[in-house]
């Protein structure tokens, strides 16, 4: 029951849905790519990613000094992605980090 409540909170925010959509489309992203692409502040994006990590929606890997985020394979996320598939195409083009 607790996981369902946490998932509902994650899916209730438009910015988190956009981040999930971008990760689905791009496979992996760093925080600065998400910030620059969506025009959001780094603290806000980091907070969203922390919440999604705690709920096991995203996973991290380290590449040098960079933390790279990607989606966990999960049936709940797959269901969400099927629902927002048309909207994913409308998300902005990724603004890549030049330093990564």
PDB file of N, CA and C in Angstrom:
ATOM      1  N   UNK A   1       0.824  -1.196   0.000  1.00  0.00           N
ATOM      2  CA  UNK A   1       0.000   0.000   0.000  1.00  0.00           C
ATOM      3  C   UNK A   1       0.872   1.265   0.000  1.00  0.00           C
ATOM      4  N   UNK A   2       1.949   1.242   0.776  1.00  0.00           N
ATOM      5  CA  UNK A   2       2.837   2.402   0.875  1.00  0.00           C
ATOM      6  C   UNK A   2       3.479   2.737  -0.482  1.00  0.00           C
ATOM      7  N   UNK A   3       3.894   1.712  -1.224  1.00  0.00           N
ATOM      8  CA  UNK A   3       4.518   1.953  -2.533  1.00  0.00           C
ATOM      9  C   UNK A   3       3.514   2.588  -3.492  1.00  0.00           C
ATOM     10  N   UNK A   4       2.270   2.154  -3.441  1.00  0.00           N
ATOM     11  CA  UNK A   4       1.247   2.719  -4.310  1.00  0.00           C
ATOM     12  C   UNK A   4       1.034   4.200  -4.014  1.00  0.00           C
ATOM     13  N   UNK A   5       1.033   4.563  -2.744  1.00  0.00           N
ATOM     14  CA  UNK A   5       0.876   5.965  -2.358  1.00  0.00           C
ATOM     15  C   UNK A   5       2.072   6.777  -2.859  1.00  0.00           C
ATOM     16  N   UNK A   6       3.282   6.235  -2.714  1.00  0.00           N
ATOM     17  CA  UNK A   6       4.478   6.933  -3.188  1.00  0.00           C
ATOM     18  C   UNK A   6       4.441   7.108  -4.706  1.00  0.00           C
ATOM     19  N   UNK A   7       4.019   6.071  -5.428  1.00  0.00           N
ATOM     20  CA  UNK A   7       3.913   6.165  -6.892  1.00  0.00           C
ATOM     21  C   UNK A   7       2.893   7.214  -7.303  1.00  0.00           C
ATOM     22  N   UNK A   8       1.768   7.254  -6.588  1.00  0.00           N
ATOM     23  CA  UNK A   8       0.730   8.246  -6.906  1.00  0.00           C
ATOM     24  C   UNK A   8       1.280   9.659  -6.735  1.00  0.00           C
ATOM     25  N   UNK A   9       2.091   9.877  -5.698  1.00  0.00           N
ATOM     26  CA  UNK A   9       2.696  11.196  -5.492  1.00  0.00           C
ATOM     27  C   UNK A   9       3.660  11.530  -6.625  1.00  0.00           C
ATOM     28  N   UNK A  10       4.451  10.559  -7.044  1.00  0.00           N
ATOM     29  CA  UNK A  10       5.404  10.784  -8.137  1.00  0.00           C
ATOM     30  C   UNK A  10       4.652  11.153  -9.413  1.00  0.00           C
ATOM     31  N   UNK A  11       3.599  10.412  -9.732  1.00  0.00           N
ATOM     32  CA  UNK A  11       2.865  10.609 -10.980  1.00  0.00           C
ATOM     33  C   UNK A  11       1.922  11.807 -10.937  1.00  0.00           C
ATOM     34  N   UNK A  12       1.839  12.483  -9.786  1.00  0.00           N
ATOM     35  CA  UNK A  12       0.920  13.621  -9.675  1.00  0.00           C
ATOM     36  C   UNK A  12       1.561  14.951 -10.067  1.00  0.00           C
ATOM     37  N   UNK A  13       2.814  14.933 -10.466  1.00  0.00           N
ATOM     38  CA  UNK A  13       3.522  16.173 -10.801  1.00  0.00           C
ATOM     39  C   UNK A  13       3.895  16.170 -12.280  1.00  0.00           C
ATOM     40  N   UNK A  14       3.505  17.208 -12.988  1.00  0.00           N
ATOM     41  CA  UNK A  14       3.755  17.289 -14.434  1.00  0.00           C
ATOM     42  C   UNK A  14       5.245  17.274 -14.765  1.00  0.00           C
ATOM     43  N   UNK A  15       6.061  17.950 -13.960  1.00  0.00           N
ATOM     44  CA  UNK A  15       7.498  17.962 -14.240  1.00  0.00           C
ATOM     45  C   UNK A  15       8.112  16.569 -14.085  1.00  0.00           C
ATOM     46  N   UNK A  16       7.682  15.811 -13.083  1.00  0.00           N
ATOM     47  CA  UNK A  16       8.204  14.449 -12.925  1.00  0.00           C
ATOM     48  C   UNK A  16       7.777  13.568 -14.094  1.00  0.00           C
ATOM     49  N   UNK A  17       6.557  13.756 -14.578  1.00  0.00           N
ATOM     50  CA  UNK A  17       6.096  12.990 -15.750  1.00  0.00           C
ATOM     51  C   UNK A  17       6.951  13.351 -16.968  1.00  0.00           C
ATOM     52  N   UNK A  18       7.265  14.625 -17.131  1.00  0.00           N
ATOM     53  CA  UNK A  18       8.123  15.050 -18.251  1.00  0.00           C
ATOM     54  C   UNK A  18       9.517  14.437 -18.124  1.00  0.00           C
ATOM     55  N   UNK A  19      10.061  14.421 -16.922  1.00  0.00           N
ATOM     56  CA  UNK A  19      11.384  13.823 -16.696  1.00  0.00           C
ATOM     57  C   UNK A  19      11.353  12.338 -17.045  1.00  0.00           C
ATOM     58  N   UNK A  20      10.314  11.644 -16.622  1.00  0.00           N
ATOM     59  CA  UNK A  20      10.171  10.219 -16.949  1.00  0.00           C
ATOM     60  C   UNK A  20      10.075  10.040 -18.460  1.00  0.00           C
ATOM     61  N   UNK A  21       9.304  10.892 -19.123  1.00  0.00           N
ATOM     62  CA  UNK A  21       9.175  10.821 -20.576  1.00  0.00           C
ATOM     63  C   UNK A  21      10.503  11.046 -21.282  1.00  0.00           C
ATOM     64  N   UNK A  22      11.271  12.045 -20.818  1.00  0.00           N
ATOM     65  CA  UNK A  22      12.585  12.306 -21.413  1.00  0.00           C
ATOM     66  C   UNK A  22      13.525  11.119 -21.218  1.00  0.00           C
ATOM     67  N   UNK A  23      13.512  10.540 -20.018  1.00  0.00           N
ATOM     68  CA  UNK A  23      14.368   9.378 -19.755  1.00  0.00           C
ATOM     69  C   UNK A  23      13.974   8.194 -20.619  1.00  0.00           C
ATOM     70  N   UNK A  24      12.680   8.037 -20.819  1.00  0.00           N
ATOM     71  CA  UNK A  24      12.217   6.947 -21.681  1.00  0.00           C
ATOM     72  C   UNK A  24      12.717   7.148 -23.105  1.00  0.00           C
ATOM     73  N   UNK A  25      12.630   8.372 -23.597  1.00  0.00           N
ATOM     74  CA  UNK A  25      13.036   8.666 -24.967  1.00  0.00           C
ATOM     75  C   UNK A  25      14.552   8.619 -25.141  1.00  0.00           C
ATOM     76  N   UNK A  26      15.290   9.186 -24.195  1.00  0.00           N
ATOM     77  CA  UNK A  26      16.748   9.327 -24.340  1.00  0.00           C
ATOM     78  C   UNK A  26      17.530   8.173 -23.702  1.00  0.00           C
ATOM     79  N   UNK A  27      16.883   7.355 -22.906  1.00  0.00           N
ATOM     80  CA  UNK A  27      17.467   6.207 -22.190  1.00  0.00           C
ATOM     81  C   UNK A  27      18.248   6.609 -20.943  1.00  0.00           C
ATOM     82  N   UNK A  28      19.118   7.614 -21.020  1.00  0.00           N
ATOM     83  CA  UNK A  28      19.836   8.078 -19.831  1.00  0.00           C
ATOM     84  C   UNK A  28      20.167   9.558 -19.970  1.00  0.00           C
ATOM     85  N   UNK A  29      20.131  10.238 -18.814  1.00  0.00           N
ATOM     86  CA  UNK A  29      20.350  11.691 -18.790  1.00  0.00           C
ATOM     87  C   UNK A  29      21.072  12.087 -17.512  1.00  0.00           C
ATOM     88  N   UNK A  30      21.797  13.192 -17.571  1.00  0.00           N
ATOM     89  CA  UNK A  30      22.353  13.772 -16.354  1.00  0.00           C
ATOM     90  C   UNK A  30      21.427  14.921 -15.923  1.00  0.00           C
ATOM     91  N   UNK A  31      21.615  15.391 -14.715  1.00  0.00           N
ATOM     92  CA  UNK A  31      20.755  16.439 -14.167  1.00  0.00           C
ATOM     93  C   UNK A  31      20.771  17.697 -15.039  1.00  0.00           C
ATOM     94  N   UNK A  32      21.963  18.095 -15.494  1.00  0.00           N
ATOM     95  CA  UNK A  32      22.038  19.347 -16.260  1.00  0.00           C
ATOM     96  C   UNK A  32      21.280  19.237 -17.583  1.00  0.00           C
ATOM     97  N   UNK A  33      21.239  18.066 -18.202  1.00  0.00           N
ATOM     98  CA  UNK A  33      20.472  17.903 -19.438  1.00  0.00           C
ATOM     99  C   UNK A  33      18.976  18.079 -19.177  1.00  0.00           C
ATOM    100  N   UNK A  34      18.515  17.544 -18.063  1.00  0.00           N
ATOM    101  CA  UNK A  34      17.097  17.685 -17.696  1.00  0.00           C
ATOM    102  C   UNK A  34      16.791  19.159 -17.400  1.00  0.00           C
ATOM    103  N   UNK A  35      17.655  19.805 -16.605  1.00  0.00           N
ATOM    104  CA  UNK A  35      17.462  21.224 -16.252  1.00  0.00           C
ATOM    105  C   UNK A  35      17.396  22.095 -17.493  1.00  0.00           C
ATOM    106  N   UNK A  36      18.394  21.939 -18.370  1.00  0.00           N
ATOM    107  CA  UNK A  36      18.474  22.787 -19.557  1.00  0.00           C
ATOM    108  C   UNK A  36      17.321  22.520 -20.518  1.00  0.00           C
ATOM    109  N   UNK A  37      16.941  21.263 -20.662  1.00  0.00           N
ATOM    110  CA  UNK A  37      15.888  20.898 -21.605  1.00  0.00           C
ATOM    111  C   UNK A  37      14.521  21.390 -21.150  1.00  0.00           C
ATOM    112  N   UNK A  38      14.227  21.243 -19.866  1.00  0.00           N
ATOM    113  CA  UNK A  38      12.901  21.617 -19.359  1.00  0.00           C
ATOM    114  C   UNK A  38      12.868  23.029 -18.764  1.00  0.00           C
ATOM    115  N   UNK A  39      14.020  23.682 -18.679  1.00  0.00           N
ATOM    116  CA  UNK A  39      14.050  25.032 -18.112  1.00  0.00           C
ATOM    117  C   UNK A  39      13.739  25.050 -16.628  1.00  0.00           C
ATOM    118  N   UNK A  40      14.193  24.016 -15.910  1.00  0.00           N
ATOM    119  CA  UNK A  40      13.951  23.913 -14.477  1.00  0.00           C
ATOM    120  C   UNK A  40      15.253  24.105 -13.722  1.00  0.00           C
ATOM    121  N   UNK A  41      15.160  24.525 -12.470  1.00  0.00           N
ATOM    122  CA  UNK A  41      16.361  24.737 -11.662  1.00  0.00           C
ATOM    123  C   UNK A  41      16.972  23.398 -11.254  1.00  0.00           C
ATOM    124  N   UNK A  42      18.284  23.417 -11.014  1.00  0.00           N
ATOM    125  CA  UNK A  42      18.981  22.194 -10.606  1.00  0.00           C
ATOM    126  C   UNK A  42      18.477  21.656  -9.270  1.00  0.00           C
ATOM    127  N   UNK A  43      18.237  22.509  -8.251  1.00  0.00           N
ATOM    128  CA  UNK A  43      17.709  21.969  -6.992  1.00  0.00           C
ATOM    129  C   UNK A  43      16.343  21.288  -7.159  1.00  0.00           C
ATOM    130  N   UNK A  44      15.486  21.866  -8.002  1.00  0.00           N
ATOM    131  CA  UNK A  44      14.167  21.274  -8.224  1.00  0.00           C
ATOM    132  C   UNK A  44      14.290  19.914  -8.907  1.00  0.00           C
ATOM    133  N   UNK A  45      15.097  19.834  -9.964  1.00  0.00           N
ATOM    134  CA  UNK A  45      15.275  18.571 -10.680  1.00  0.00           C
ATOM    135  C   UNK A  45      15.904  17.524  -9.764  1.00  0.00           C
ATOM    136  N   UNK A  46      16.904  17.920  -8.991  1.00  0.00           N
ATOM    137  CA  UNK A  46      17.544  16.982  -8.065  1.00  0.00           C
ATOM    138  C   UNK A  46      16.556  16.450  -7.037  1.00  0.00           C
ATOM    139  N   UNK A  47      15.668  17.314  -6.559  1.00  0.00           N
ATOM    140  CA  UNK A  47      14.647  16.873  -5.596  1.00  0.00           C
ATOM    141  C   UNK A  47      13.690  15.868  -6.246  1.00  0.00           C
ATOM    142  N   UNK A  48      13.254  16.164  -7.480  1.00  0.00           N
ATOM    143  CA  UNK A  48      12.384  15.234  -8.194  1.00  0.00           C
ATOM    144  C   UNK A  48      13.081  13.886  -8.393  1.00  0.00           C
ATOM    145  N   UNK A  49      14.339  13.921  -8.804  1.00  0.00           N
ATOM    146  CA  UNK A  49      15.074  12.674  -9.048  1.00  0.00           C
ATOM    147  C   UNK A  49      15.284  11.888  -7.757  1.00  0.00           C
ATOM    148  N   UNK A  50      15.515  12.580  -6.652  1.00  0.00           N
ATOM    149  CA  UNK A  50      15.663  11.913  -5.355  1.00  0.00           C
ATOM    150  C   UNK A  50      14.375  11.177  -4.997  1.00  0.00           C
ATOM    151  N   UNK A  51      13.240  11.844  -5.187  1.00  0.00           N
ATOM    152  CA  UNK A  51      11.953  11.211  -4.885  1.00  0.00           C
ATOM    153  C   UNK A  51      11.720   9.993  -5.788  1.00  0.00           C
ATOM    154  N   UNK A  52      12.076  10.117  -7.061  1.00  0.00           N
ATOM    155  CA  UNK A  52      11.887   9.003  -7.989  1.00  0.00           C
ATOM    156  C   UNK A  52      12.855   7.859  -7.684  1.00  0.00           C
ATOM    157  N   UNK A  53      14.061   8.192  -7.221  1.00  0.00           N
ATOM    158  CA  UNK A  53      15.027   7.162  -6.835  1.00  0.00           C
ATOM    159  C   UNK A  53      14.537   6.410  -5.601  1.00  0.00           C
ATOM    160  N   UNK A  54      14.009   7.144  -4.617  1.00  0.00           N
ATOM    161  CA  UNK A  54      13.491   6.522  -3.400  1.00  0.00           C
ATOM    162  C   UNK A  54      12.314   5.590  -3.695  1.00  0.00           C
ATOM    163  N   UNK A  55      11.569   5.903  -4.731  1.00  0.00           N
ATOM    164  CA  UNK A  55      10.416   5.092  -5.127  1.00  0.00           C
ATOM    165  C   UNK A  55      10.821   4.009  -6.132  1.00  0.00           C
ATOM    166  N   UNK A  56      12.097   3.929  -6.432  1.00  0.00           N
ATOM    167  CA  UNK A  56      12.674   2.945  -7.352  1.00  0.00           C
ATOM    168  C   UNK A  56      12.125   3.050  -8.774  1.00  0.00           C
ATOM    169  N   UNK A  57      11.888   4.277  -9.201  1.00  0.00           N
ATOM    170  CA  UNK A  57      11.483   4.527 -10.585  1.00  0.00           C
ATOM    171  C   UNK A  57      12.716   4.756 -11.445  1.00  0.00           C
ATOM    172  N   UNK A  58      13.715   5.456 -10.871  1.00  0.00           N
ATOM    173  CA  UNK A  58      14.957   5.682 -11.607  1.00  0.00           C
ATOM    174  C   UNK A  58      16.118   5.006 -10.892  1.00  0.00           C
ATOM    175  N   UNK A  59      17.148   4.744 -11.676  1.00  0.00           N
ATOM    176  CA  UNK A  59      18.380   4.198 -11.123  1.00  0.00           C
ATOM    177  C   UNK A  59      19.528   5.102 -11.561  1.00  0.00           C
ATOM    178  N   UNK A  60      20.644   5.001 -10.868  1.00  0.00           N
ATOM    179  CA  UNK A  60      21.782   5.848 -11.188  1.00  0.00           C
ATOM    180  C   UNK A  60      23.015   5.008 -11.481  1.00  0.00           C
ATOM    181  N   UNK A  61      23.875   5.562 -12.317  1.00  0.00           N
ATOM    182  CA  UNK A  61      25.211   5.025 -12.537  1.00  0.00           C
ATOM    183  C   UNK A  61      26.158   6.208 -12.528  1.00  0.00           C
ATOM    184  N   UNK A  62      27.401   5.951 -12.188  1.00  0.00           N
ATOM    185  CA  UNK A  62      28.381   7.031 -12.158  1.00  0.00           C
ATOM    186  C   UNK A  62      29.290   6.900 -13.368  1.00  0.00           C
ATOM    187  N   UNK A  63      29.508   8.028 -14.033  1.00  0.00           N
ATOM    188  CA  UNK A  63      30.407   8.106 -15.180  1.00  0.00           C
ATOM    189  C   UNK A  63      31.386   9.234 -14.894  1.00  0.00           C
ATOM    190  N   UNK A  64      32.543   8.890 -14.352  1.00  0.00           N
ATOM    191  CA  UNK A  64      33.479   9.916 -13.899  1.00  0.00           C
ATOM    192  C   UNK A  64      32.864  10.673 -12.740  1.00  0.00           C
ATOM    193  N   UNK A  65      32.762  11.983 -12.870  1.00  0.00           N
ATOM    194  CA  UNK A  65      32.130  12.776 -11.804  1.00  0.00           C
ATOM    195  C   UNK A  65      30.625  12.954 -12.021  1.00  0.00           C
ATOM    196  N   UNK A  66      30.095  12.417 -13.112  1.00  0.00           N
ATOM    197  CA  UNK A  66      28.685  12.592 -13.464  1.00  0.00           C
ATOM    198  C   UNK A  66      27.830  11.450 -12.924  1.00  0.00           C
ATOM    199  N   UNK A  67      26.648  11.794 -12.437  1.00  0.00           N
ATOM    200  CA  UNK A  67      25.640  10.801 -12.068  1.00  0.00           C
ATOM    201  C   UNK A  67      24.658  10.746 -13.233  1.00  0.00           C
ATOM    202  N   UNK A  68      24.476   9.573 -13.783  1.00  0.00           N
ATOM    203  CA  UNK A  68      23.598   9.379 -14.931  1.00  0.00           C
ATOM    204  C   UNK A  68      22.337   8.657 -14.459  1.00  0.00           C
ATOM    205  N   UNK A  69      21.195   9.192 -14.855  1.00  0.00           N
ATOM    206  CA  UNK A  69      19.901   8.651 -14.442  1.00  0.00           C
ATOM    207  C   UNK A  69      19.242   7.910 -15.599  1.00  0.00           C
ATOM    208  N   UNK A  70      18.599   6.795 -15.266  1.00  0.00           N
ATOM    209  CA  UNK A  70      17.825   6.036 -16.249  1.00  0.00           C
ATOM    210  C   UNK A  70      16.639   5.392 -15.522  1.00  0.00           C
ATOM    211  N   UNK A  71      15.670   4.937 -16.297  1.00  0.00           N
ATOM    212  CA  UNK A  71      14.477   4.331 -15.709  1.00  0.00           C
ATOM    213  C   UNK A  71      14.726   2.877 -15.337  1.00  0.00           C
ATOM    214  N   UNK A  72      14.160   2.463 -14.204  1.00  0.00           N
ATOM    215  CA  UNK A  72      14.101   1.053 -13.853  1.00  0.00           C
ATOM    216  C   UNK A  72      13.074   0.402 -14.760  1.00  0.00           C
ATOM    217  N   UNK A  73      13.264  -0.838 -15.099  1.00  0.00           N
ATOM    218  CA  UNK A  73      12.234  -1.577 -15.833  1.00  0.00           C
ATOM    219  C   UNK A  73      11.191  -2.023 -14.810  1.00  0.00           C
ATOM    220  N   UNK A  74       9.972  -1.564 -14.995  1.00  0.00           N
ATOM    221  CA  UNK A  74       8.907  -1.822 -14.031  1.00  0.00           C
ATOM    222  C   UNK A  74       7.577  -1.806 -14.772  1.00  0.00           C
ATOM    223  N   UNK A  75       6.677  -2.725 -14.441  1.00  0.00           N
ATOM    224  CA  UNK A  75       5.380  -2.792 -15.124  1.00  0.00           C
ATOM    225  C   UNK A  75       4.550  -1.534 -14.899  1.00  0.00           C
ATOM    226  N   UNK A  76       4.679  -0.923 -13.725  1.00  0.00           N
ATOM    227  CA  UNK A  76       3.931   0.304 -13.444  1.00  0.00           C
ATOM    228  C   UNK A  76       4.394   1.423 -14.359  1.00  0.00           C
ATOM    229  N   UNK A  77       5.694   1.567 -14.511  1.00  0.00           N
ATOM    230  CA  UNK A  77       6.239   2.611 -15.380  1.00  0.00           C
ATOM    231  C   UNK A  77       5.863   2.328 -16.828  1.00  0.00           C
ATOM    232  N   UNK A  78       5.925   1.060 -17.241  1.00  0.00           N
ATOM    233  CA  UNK A  78       5.545   0.703 -18.609  1.00  0.00           C
ATOM    234  C   UNK A  78       4.103   1.105 -18.900  1.00  0.00           C
ATOM    235  N   UNK A  79       3.211   0.899 -17.931  1.00  0.00           N
ATOM    236  CA  UNK A  79       1.809   1.285 -18.091  1.00  0.00           C
ATOM    237  C   UNK A  79       1.694   2.803 -18.254  1.00  0.00           C
ATOM    238  N   UNK A  80       2.423   3.544 -17.440  1.00  0.00           N
ATOM    239  CA  UNK A  80       2.417   5.003 -17.534  1.00  0.00           C
ATOM    240  C   UNK A  80       2.945   5.443 -18.899  1.00  0.00           C
ATOM    241  N   UNK A  81       4.039   4.831 -19.339  1.00  0.00           N
ATOM    242  CA  UNK A  81       4.645   5.231 -20.607  1.00  0.00           C
ATOM    243  C   UNK A  81       3.716   4.970 -21.784  1.00  0.00           C
ATOM    244  N   UNK A  82       2.959   3.902 -21.731  1.00  0.00           N
ATOM    245  CA  UNK A  82       1.978   3.638 -22.791  1.00  0.00           C
ATOM    246  C   UNK A  82       0.927   4.741 -22.817  1.00  0.00           C
ATOM    247  N   UNK A  83       0.567   5.232 -21.647  1.00  0.00           N
ATOM    248  CA  UNK A  83      -0.448   6.266 -21.538  1.00  0.00           C
ATOM    249  C   UNK A  83       0.046   7.607 -22.074  1.00  0.00           C
ATOM    250  N   UNK A  84       1.310   7.931 -21.839  1.00  0.00           N
ATOM    251  CA  UNK A  84       1.822   9.244 -22.245  1.00  0.00           C
ATOM    252  C   UNK A  84       2.649   9.194 -23.533  1.00  0.00           C
ATOM    253  N   UNK A  85       2.615   8.071 -24.232  1.00  0.00           N
ATOM    254  CA  UNK A  85       3.461   7.884 -25.415  1.00  0.00           C
ATOM    255  C   UNK A  85       3.319   9.018 -26.436  1.00  0.00           C
ATOM    256  N   UNK A  86       2.129   9.457 -26.717  1.00  0.00           N
ATOM    257  CA  UNK A  86       1.917  10.534 -27.689  1.00  0.00           C
ATOM    258  C   UNK A  86       2.546  11.841 -27.202  1.00  0.00           C
ATOM    259  N   UNK A  87       2.508  12.081 -25.910  1.00  0.00           N
ATOM    260  CA  UNK A  87       3.065  13.318 -25.359  1.00  0.00           C
ATOM    261  C   UNK A  87       4.589  13.318 -25.350  1.00  0.00           C
ATOM    262  N   UNK A  88       5.207  12.134 -25.296  1.00  0.00           N
ATOM    263  CA  UNK A  88       6.663  12.052 -25.263  1.00  0.00           C
ATOM    264  C   UNK A  88       7.263  12.678 -26.514  1.00  0.00           C
ATOM    265  N   UNK A  89       6.637  12.473 -27.652  1.00  0.00           N
ATOM    266  CA  UNK A  89       7.147  13.033 -28.910  1.00  0.00           C
ATOM    267  C   UNK A  89       7.135  14.559 -28.894  1.00  0.00           C
ATOM    268  N   UNK A  90       6.262  15.153 -28.113  1.00  0.00           N
ATOM    269  CA  UNK A  90       6.145  16.615 -28.064  1.00  0.00           C
ATOM    270  C   UNK A  90       7.120  17.267 -27.080  1.00  0.00           C
ATOM    271  N   UNK A  91       7.870  16.463 -26.335  1.00  0.00           N
ATOM    272  CA  UNK A  91       8.828  17.029 -25.386  1.00  0.00           C
ATOM    273  C   UNK A  91       9.968  17.716 -26.140  1.00  0.00           C
ATOM    274  N   UNK A  92      10.580  18.725 -25.533  1.00  0.00           N
ATOM    275  CA  UNK A  92      11.652  19.455 -26.215  1.00  0.00           C
ATOM    276  C   UNK A  92      12.848  18.560 -26.545  1.00  0.00           C
ATOM    277  N   UNK A  93      13.617  18.979 -27.536  1.00  0.00           N
ATOM    278  CA  UNK A  93      14.852  18.298 -27.890  1.00  0.00           C
ATOM    279  C   UNK A  93      15.846  18.483 -26.757  1.00  0.00           C
ATOM    280  N   UNK A  94      16.593  17.428 -26.438  1.00  0.00           N
ATOM    281  CA  UNK A  94      17.557  17.464 -25.343  1.00  0.00           C
ATOM    282  C   UNK A  94      18.645  18.498 -25.643  1.00  0.00           C
ATOM    283  N   UNK A  95      18.947  19.282 -24.624  1.00  0.00           N
ATOM    284  CA  UNK A  95      20.077  20.191 -24.679  1.00  0.00           C
ATOM    285  C   UNK A  95      21.215  19.473 -23.965  1.00  0.00           C
ATOM    286  N   UNK A  96      22.161  18.950 -24.728  1.00  0.00           N
ATOM    287  CA  UNK A  96      23.215  18.122 -24.171  1.00  0.00           C
ATOM    288  C   UNK A  96      24.257  18.936 -23.417  1.00  0.00           C
ATOM    289  N   UNK A  97      24.810  18.298 -22.388  1.00  0.00           N
ATOM    290  CA  UNK A  97      25.924  18.897 -21.650  1.00  0.00           C
ATOM    291  C   UNK A  97      27.140  18.888 -22.548  1.00  0.00           C
ATOM    292  N   UNK A  98      27.836  19.985 -22.596  1.00  0.00           N
ATOM    293  CA  UNK A  98      29.050  20.022 -23.392  1.00  0.00           C
ATOM    294  C   UNK A  98      30.239  19.499 -22.600  1.00  0.00           C
ATOM    295  N   UNK A  99      30.088  19.411 -21.268  1.00  0.00           N
ATOM    296  CA  UNK A  99      31.195  18.978 -20.432  1.00  0.00           C
ATOM    297  C   UNK A  99      31.135  17.519 -20.056  1.00  0.00           C
ATOM    298  N   UNK A 100      30.046  16.834 -20.350  1.00  0.00           N
ATOM    299  CA  UNK A 100      29.930  15.429 -19.952  1.00  0.00           C
ATOM    300  C   UNK A 100      30.675  14.553 -20.896  1.00  0.00           C
TER     301      UNK A 100
END
